[in-house]
Amino acid sequence: MRREVLLPLILSLTLAGPAAADPLGIGSPATPDAIAAWDIDVRPDGQGLPPGHGSVRDGAALFAARCAGCHGARGEGAAAEALAGGRGSLASAKPKRTVGSYWPYATTLFDYVRRAMPFDAPQSLSADETYAVSAYVLHLNGLLPEEASLDAASLPKVVMPNRDGFTADPRPDVSASGRRSEGTESP
């Protein structure tokens, strides 16, 4: 009997209280600048890449200072996953899923490094540093020569060995390029 009386009372107080009419008074509206700071995704076709550039040579120094402690001096893996090697191993009993053997797009490397690395200070690398580290990791995988540099125009042109190793996305609102069709953006 008590539950039958208390439940309607609690519901009426909850729905008719001041919180129902007024906002909670916490937070602040998202400004275009605040949204832009978080809108850092990079698509397979390179859309979203920032201005900047970085060389394999500059990336080698950055990698030694910021990445090798976890990924090994040549990307062979240590406390964290290997980034280099593994070509031809995907169909084996023990596939080695590295940047050079598994990842379909070089732009995905840039996007991931930019968002999540280094592990102890994510999003701390500049665009130039991210291009440089990406160039070096691609070099470790035999995909760029030592004298190469990357920027927003050249990075999407790097053809990854496993680019065609994934199945097509069957959703009707996603095109072959991986982009959502017009009018189907998520809210």
C-alpha atoms as a PDB file:
ATOM      1  CA  MET A   1       0.000   0.000   0.000  1.00  0.00           C
ATOM      2  CA  ARG A   2       2.794   2.372   0.880  1.00  0.00           C
ATOM      3  CA  ARG A   3       4.467   1.932  -2.536  1.00  0.00           C
ATOM      4  CA  GLU A   4       1.207   2.707  -4.292  1.00  0.00           C
ATOM      5  CA  VAL A   5       0.994   6.077  -2.524  1.00  0.00           C
ATOM      6  CA  LEU A   6       4.661   7.065  -2.666  1.00  0.00           C
ATOM      7  CA  LEU A   7       5.285   6.375  -6.343  1.00  0.00           C
ATOM      8  CA  PRO A   8       2.687   8.869  -7.676  1.00  0.00           C
ATOM      9  CA  LEU A   9       3.874  11.457  -5.131  1.00  0.00           C
ATOM     10  CA  ILE A  10       7.512  11.085  -6.175  1.00  0.00           C
ATOM     11  CA  LEU A  11       6.620  11.224  -9.851  1.00  0.00           C
ATOM     12  CA  SER A  12       4.510  14.356  -9.423  1.00  0.00           C
ATOM     13  CA  LEU A  13       7.295  16.133  -7.514  1.00  0.00           C
ATOM     14  CA  THR A  14       9.889  15.103 -10.059  1.00  0.00           C
ATOM     15  CA  LEU A  15       7.886  16.218 -13.070  1.00  0.00           C
ATOM     16  CA  ALA A  16       6.546  19.438 -11.538  1.00  0.00           C
ATOM     17  CA  GLY A  17       9.726  20.569  -9.764  1.00  0.00           C
ATOM     18  CA  PRO A  18      11.893  23.510 -10.772  1.00  0.00           C
ATOM     19  CA  ALA A  19      14.264  21.284 -12.766  1.00  0.00           C
ATOM     20  CA  ALA A  20      11.476  20.502 -15.222  1.00  0.00           C
ATOM     21  CA  ALA A  21      10.990  24.170 -16.111  1.00  0.00           C
ATOM     22  CA  ASP A  22      14.564  25.472 -15.862  1.00  0.00           C
ATOM     23  CA  PRO A  23      17.874  24.149 -17.181  1.00  0.00           C
ATOM     24  CA  LEU A  24      20.207  22.653 -14.627  1.00  0.00           C
ATOM     25  CA  GLY A  25      22.441  25.711 -14.680  1.00  0.00           C
ATOM     26  CA  ILE A  26      25.602  23.766 -15.413  1.00  0.00           C
ATOM     27  CA  GLY A  27      27.827  23.795 -18.448  1.00  0.00           C
ATOM     28  CA  SER A  28      27.877  26.367 -21.218  1.00  0.00           C
ATOM     29  CA  PRO A  29      26.672  26.514 -24.801  1.00  0.00           C
ATOM     30  CA  ALA A  30      28.981  24.946 -27.374  1.00  0.00           C
ATOM     31  CA  THR A  31      30.508  27.762 -29.408  1.00  0.00           C
ATOM     32  CA  PRO A  32      31.786  27.240 -32.960  1.00  0.00           C
ATOM     33  CA  ASP A  33      35.369  27.598 -31.662  1.00  0.00           C
ATOM     34  CA  ALA A  34      34.818  24.973 -28.963  1.00  0.00           C
ATOM     35  CA  ILE A  35      33.301  22.582 -31.499  1.00  0.00           C
ATOM     36  CA  ALA A  36      36.155  23.196 -33.969  1.00  0.00           C
ATOM     37  CA  ALA A  37      38.719  22.272 -31.302  1.00  0.00           C
ATOM     38  CA  TRP A  38      37.119  18.820 -30.990  1.00  0.00           C
ATOM     39  CA  ASP A  39      36.239  18.378 -34.659  1.00  0.00           C
ATOM     40  CA  ILE A  40      39.582  16.856 -35.641  1.00  0.00           C
ATOM     41  CA  ASP A  41      38.543  13.684 -37.461  1.00  0.00           C
ATOM     42  CA  VAL A  42      40.299  12.834 -40.703  1.00  0.00           C
ATOM     43  CA  ARG A  43      38.529  10.836 -43.376  1.00  0.00           C
ATOM     44  CA  PRO A  44      40.104   8.247 -45.679  1.00  0.00           C
ATOM     45  CA  ASP A  45      40.093  10.742 -48.574  1.00  0.00           C
ATOM     46  CA  GLY A  46      42.040  13.265 -46.479  1.00  0.00           C
ATOM     47  CA  GLN A  47      39.151  15.559 -45.659  1.00  0.00           C
ATOM     48  CA  GLY A  48      39.895  17.082 -42.272  1.00  0.00           C
ATOM     49  CA  LEU A  49      43.688  17.068 -42.588  1.00  0.00           C
ATOM     50  CA  PRO A  50      45.160  20.302 -41.236  1.00  0.00           C
ATOM     51  CA  PRO A  51      47.772  22.463 -42.939  1.00  0.00           C
ATOM     52  CA  GLY A  52      51.336  21.456 -42.168  1.00  0.00           C
ATOM     53  CA  HIS A  53      54.044  19.049 -43.253  1.00  0.00           C
ATOM     54  CA  GLY A  54      56.560  16.654 -41.794  1.00  0.00           C
ATOM     55  CA  SER A  55      59.503  14.632 -43.055  1.00  0.00           C
ATOM     56  CA  VAL A  56      60.644  11.087 -42.372  1.00  0.00           C
ATOM     57  CA  ARG A  57      63.877  12.477 -40.914  1.00  0.00           C
ATOM     58  CA  ASP A  58      62.043  14.789 -38.492  1.00  0.00           C
ATOM     59  CA  GLY A  59      59.717  11.927 -37.633  1.00  0.00           C
ATOM     60  CA  ALA A  60      62.647   9.659 -36.745  1.00  0.00           C
ATOM     61  CA  ALA A  61      63.817  12.086 -34.057  1.00  0.00           C
ATOM     62  CA  LEU A  62      60.295  12.576 -32.708  1.00  0.00           C
ATOM     63  CA  PHE A  63      59.628   8.844 -32.719  1.00  0.00           C
ATOM     64  CA  ALA A  64      62.840   8.183 -30.768  1.00  0.00           C
ATOM     65  CA  ALA A  65      61.892  10.803 -28.182  1.00  0.00           C
ATOM     66  CA  ARG A  66      58.136  10.264 -27.868  1.00  0.00           C
ATOM     67  CA  CYS A  67      57.173   6.825 -29.250  1.00  0.00           C
ATOM     68  CA  ALA A  68      60.035   4.327 -29.057  1.00  0.00           C
ATOM     69  CA  GLY A  69      59.650   3.810 -25.309  1.00  0.00           C
ATOM     70  CA  CYS A  70      56.342   2.054 -25.944  1.00  0.00           C
ATOM     71  CA  HIS A  71      56.579   0.900 -29.572  1.00  0.00           C
ATOM     72  CA  GLY A  72      60.288  -0.046 -29.777  1.00  0.00           C
ATOM     73  CA  ALA A  73      63.119   1.753 -31.560  1.00  0.00           C
ATOM     74  CA  ARG A  74      61.993   0.562 -35.014  1.00  0.00           C
ATOM     75  CA  GLY A  75      58.287   0.127 -34.311  1.00  0.00           C
ATOM     76  CA  GLU A  76      58.726  -3.570 -33.548  1.00  0.00           C
ATOM     77  CA  GLY A  77      56.609  -3.346 -30.416  1.00  0.00           C
ATOM     78  CA  ALA A  78      57.515  -3.194 -26.744  1.00  0.00           C
ATOM     79  CA  ALA A  79      55.050  -2.202 -24.012  1.00  0.00           C
ATOM     80  CA  ALA A  80      52.635  -1.234 -26.798  1.00  0.00           C
ATOM     81  CA  GLU A  81      51.730  -2.856 -30.100  1.00  0.00           C
ATOM     82  CA  ALA A  82      54.122  -3.228 -33.015  1.00  0.00           C
ATOM     83  CA  LEU A  83      53.658  -0.599 -35.702  1.00  0.00           C
ATOM     84  CA  ALA A  84      55.923  -2.083 -38.365  1.00  0.00           C
ATOM     85  CA  GLY A  85      56.359  -5.470 -39.980  1.00  0.00           C
ATOM     86  CA  GLY A  86      53.832  -8.198 -40.471  1.00  0.00           C
ATOM     87  CA  ARG A  87      53.407  -7.908 -44.226  1.00  0.00           C
ATOM     88  CA  GLY A  88      51.913 -11.077 -45.634  1.00  0.00           C
ATOM     89  CA  SER A  89      50.927 -12.382 -42.197  1.00  0.00           C
ATOM     90  CA  LEU A  90      47.214 -11.553 -42.211  1.00  0.00           C
ATOM     91  CA  ALA A  91      46.176 -14.880 -43.718  1.00  0.00           C
ATOM     92  CA  SER A  92      48.448 -16.824 -41.356  1.00  0.00           C
ATOM     93  CA  ALA A  93      47.528 -18.481 -38.067  1.00  0.00           C
ATOM     94  CA  LYS A  94      49.222 -15.593 -36.213  1.00  0.00           C
ATOM     95  CA  PRO A  95      48.527 -12.401 -38.135  1.00  0.00           C
ATOM     96  CA  LYS A  96      50.553  -9.337 -37.175  1.00  0.00           C
ATOM     97  CA  ARG A  97      48.218  -6.365 -37.493  1.00  0.00           C
ATOM     98  CA  THR A  98      50.531  -3.414 -37.935  1.00  0.00           C
ATOM     99  CA  VAL A  99      50.162  -0.101 -39.741  1.00  0.00           C
ATOM    100  CA  GLY A 100      51.879  -1.570 -42.806  1.00  0.00           C
ATOM    101  CA  SER A 101      50.106  -4.906 -42.876  1.00  0.00           C
ATOM    102  CA  TYR A 102      46.578  -4.173 -41.709  1.00  0.00           C
ATOM    103  CA  TRP A 103      45.590  -0.510 -41.806  1.00  0.00           C
ATOM    104  CA  PRO A 104      43.716   0.437 -44.991  1.00  0.00           C
ATOM    105  CA  TYR A 105      44.466   4.188 -45.131  1.00  0.00           C
ATOM    106  CA  ALA A 106      47.488   6.315 -44.277  1.00  0.00           C
ATOM    107  CA  THR A 107      45.084   9.038 -43.168  1.00  0.00           C
ATOM    108  CA  THR A 108      43.883   6.722 -40.396  1.00  0.00           C
ATOM    109  CA  LEU A 109      47.422   6.702 -39.006  1.00  0.00           C
ATOM    110  CA  PHE A 110      47.500  10.505 -38.914  1.00  0.00           C
ATOM    111  CA  ASP A 111      44.043  10.626 -37.314  1.00  0.00           C
ATOM    112  CA  TYR A 112      44.968   8.122 -34.609  1.00  0.00           C
ATOM    113  CA  VAL A 113      48.322   9.687 -33.774  1.00  0.00           C
ATOM    114  CA  ARG A 114      46.726  13.128 -33.660  1.00  0.00           C
ATOM    115  CA  ARG A 115      43.937  12.020 -31.299  1.00  0.00           C
ATOM    116  CA  ALA A 116      45.572   9.475 -29.028  1.00  0.00           C
ATOM    117  CA  MET A 117      49.360   9.691 -29.055  1.00  0.00           C
ATOM    118  CA  PRO A 118      51.653   9.864 -27.313  1.00  0.00           C
ATOM    119  CA  PHE A 119      49.903   7.761 -24.718  1.00  0.00           C
ATOM    120  CA  ASP A 120      50.992   9.974 -21.827  1.00  0.00           C
ATOM    121  CA  ALA A 121      50.005  13.228 -23.583  1.00  0.00           C
ATOM    122  CA  PRO A 122      47.342  12.692 -26.259  1.00  0.00           C
ATOM    123  CA  GLN A 123      46.687  15.572 -28.674  1.00  0.00           C
ATOM    124  CA  SER A 124      49.962  17.239 -27.654  1.00  0.00           C
ATOM    125  CA  LEU A 125      51.684  16.910 -31.033  1.00  0.00           C
ATOM    126  CA  SER A 126      51.428  19.767 -33.524  1.00  0.00           C
ATOM    127  CA  ALA A 127      50.176  19.106 -37.044  1.00  0.00           C
ATOM    128  CA  ASP A 128      53.781  19.221 -38.329  1.00  0.00           C
ATOM    129  CA  GLU A 129      54.888  16.728 -35.676  1.00  0.00           C
ATOM    130  CA  THR A 130      51.963  14.428 -36.478  1.00  0.00           C
ATOM    131  CA  TYR A 131      52.815  14.499 -40.195  1.00  0.00           C
ATOM    132  CA  ALA A 132      56.458  13.750 -39.309  1.00  0.00           C
ATOM    133  CA  VAL A 133      55.676  10.805 -37.001  1.00  0.00           C
ATOM    134  CA  SER A 134      53.226   9.447 -39.586  1.00  0.00           C
ATOM    135  CA  ALA A 135      55.874   9.744 -42.296  1.00  0.00           C
ATOM    136  CA  TYR A 136      58.392   7.880 -40.158  1.00  0.00           C
ATOM    137  CA  VAL A 137      55.980   5.060 -39.288  1.00  0.00           C
ATOM    138  CA  LEU A 138      55.098   4.697 -42.980  1.00  0.00           C
ATOM    139  CA  HIS A 139      58.843   4.643 -43.743  1.00  0.00           C
ATOM    140  CA  LEU A 140      59.382   1.894 -41.147  1.00  0.00           C
ATOM    141  CA  ASN A 141      56.821  -0.117 -43.092  1.00  0.00           C
ATOM    142  CA  GLY A 142      58.623   0.430 -46.413  1.00  0.00           C
ATOM    143  CA  LEU A 143      55.892   2.729 -47.739  1.00  0.00           C
ATOM    144  CA  LEU A 144      57.891   5.969 -47.934  1.00  0.00           C
ATOM    145  CA  PRO A 145      61.536   6.607 -48.802  1.00  0.00           C
ATOM    146  CA  GLU A 146      63.824   8.238 -46.246  1.00  0.00           C
ATOM    147  CA  GLU A 147      63.782  11.596 -48.066  1.00  0.00           C
ATOM    148  CA  ALA A 148      59.952  11.796 -48.169  1.00  0.00           C
ATOM    149  CA  SER A 149      57.710  14.391 -46.550  1.00  0.00           C
ATOM    150  CA  LEU A 150      53.969  14.369 -45.999  1.00  0.00           C
ATOM    151  CA  ASP A 151      51.292  17.039 -46.049  1.00  0.00           C
ATOM    152  CA  ALA A 152      47.533  17.219 -46.592  1.00  0.00           C
ATOM    153  CA  ALA A 153      47.919  16.668 -50.341  1.00  0.00           C
ATOM    154  CA  SER A 154      50.406  13.774 -50.264  1.00  0.00           C
ATOM    155  CA  LEU A 155      49.205  11.738 -47.261  1.00  0.00           C
ATOM    156  CA  PRO A 156      45.915  10.529 -48.812  1.00  0.00           C
ATOM    157  CA  LYS A 157      47.855   9.387 -51.902  1.00  0.00           C
ATOM    158  CA  VAL A 158      49.887   6.810 -49.937  1.00  0.00           C
ATOM    159  CA  VAL A 159      48.484   3.446 -50.997  1.00  0.00           C
ATOM    160  CA  MET A 160      48.463   1.047 -48.087  1.00  0.00           C
ATOM    161  CA  PRO A 161      49.065  -2.662 -48.796  1.00  0.00           C
ATOM    162  CA  ASN A 162      45.742  -3.670 -47.231  1.00  0.00           C
ATOM    163  CA  ARG A 163      43.646  -0.890 -48.751  1.00  0.00           C
ATOM    164  CA  ASP A 164      41.368  -3.412 -50.477  1.00  0.00           C
ATOM    165  CA  GLY A 165      41.428  -5.950 -47.647  1.00  0.00           C
ATOM    166  CA  PHE A 166      38.199  -4.852 -46.003  1.00  0.00           C
ATOM    167  CA  THR A 167      34.657  -5.632 -47.074  1.00  0.00           C
ATOM    168  CA  ALA A 168      32.409  -2.904 -48.381  1.00  0.00           C
ATOM    169  CA  ASP A 169      30.104  -1.184 -45.914  1.00  0.00           C
ATOM    170  CA  PRO A 170      26.622  -2.532 -46.708  1.00  0.00           C
ATOM    171  CA  ARG A 171      24.731   0.405 -45.170  1.00  0.00           C
ATOM    172  CA  PRO A 172      22.741   2.216 -47.867  1.00  0.00           C
ATOM    173  CA  ASP A 173      23.676   5.648 -46.506  1.00  0.00           C
ATOM    174  CA  VAL A 174      27.457   5.103 -46.846  1.00  0.00           C
ATOM    175  CA  SER A 175      29.158   5.526 -50.207  1.00  0.00           C
ATOM    176  CA  ALA A 176      32.104   3.468 -51.455  1.00  0.00           C
ATOM    177  CA  SER A 177      34.467   6.182 -50.170  1.00  0.00           C
ATOM    178  CA  GLY A 178      33.222   5.631 -46.620  1.00  0.00           C
ATOM    179  CA  ARG A 179      31.398   8.953 -46.447  1.00  0.00           C
ATOM    180  CA  ARG A 180      27.769   9.289 -45.478  1.00  0.00           C
ATOM    181  CA  SER A 181      25.455  10.259 -48.301  1.00  0.00           C
ATOM    182  CA  GLU A 182      24.015  13.774 -48.289  1.00  0.00           C
ATOM    183  CA  GLY A 183      21.092  14.223 -45.942  1.00  0.00           C
ATOM    184  CA  THR A 184      22.022  11.276 -43.729  1.00  0.00           C
ATOM    185  CA  GLU A 185      24.373  12.949 -41.262  1.00  0.00           C
ATOM    186  CA  SER A 186      23.959  11.810 -37.700  1.00  0.00           C
ATOM    187  CA  PRO A 187      22.396  14.366 -35.348  1.00  0.00           C
END
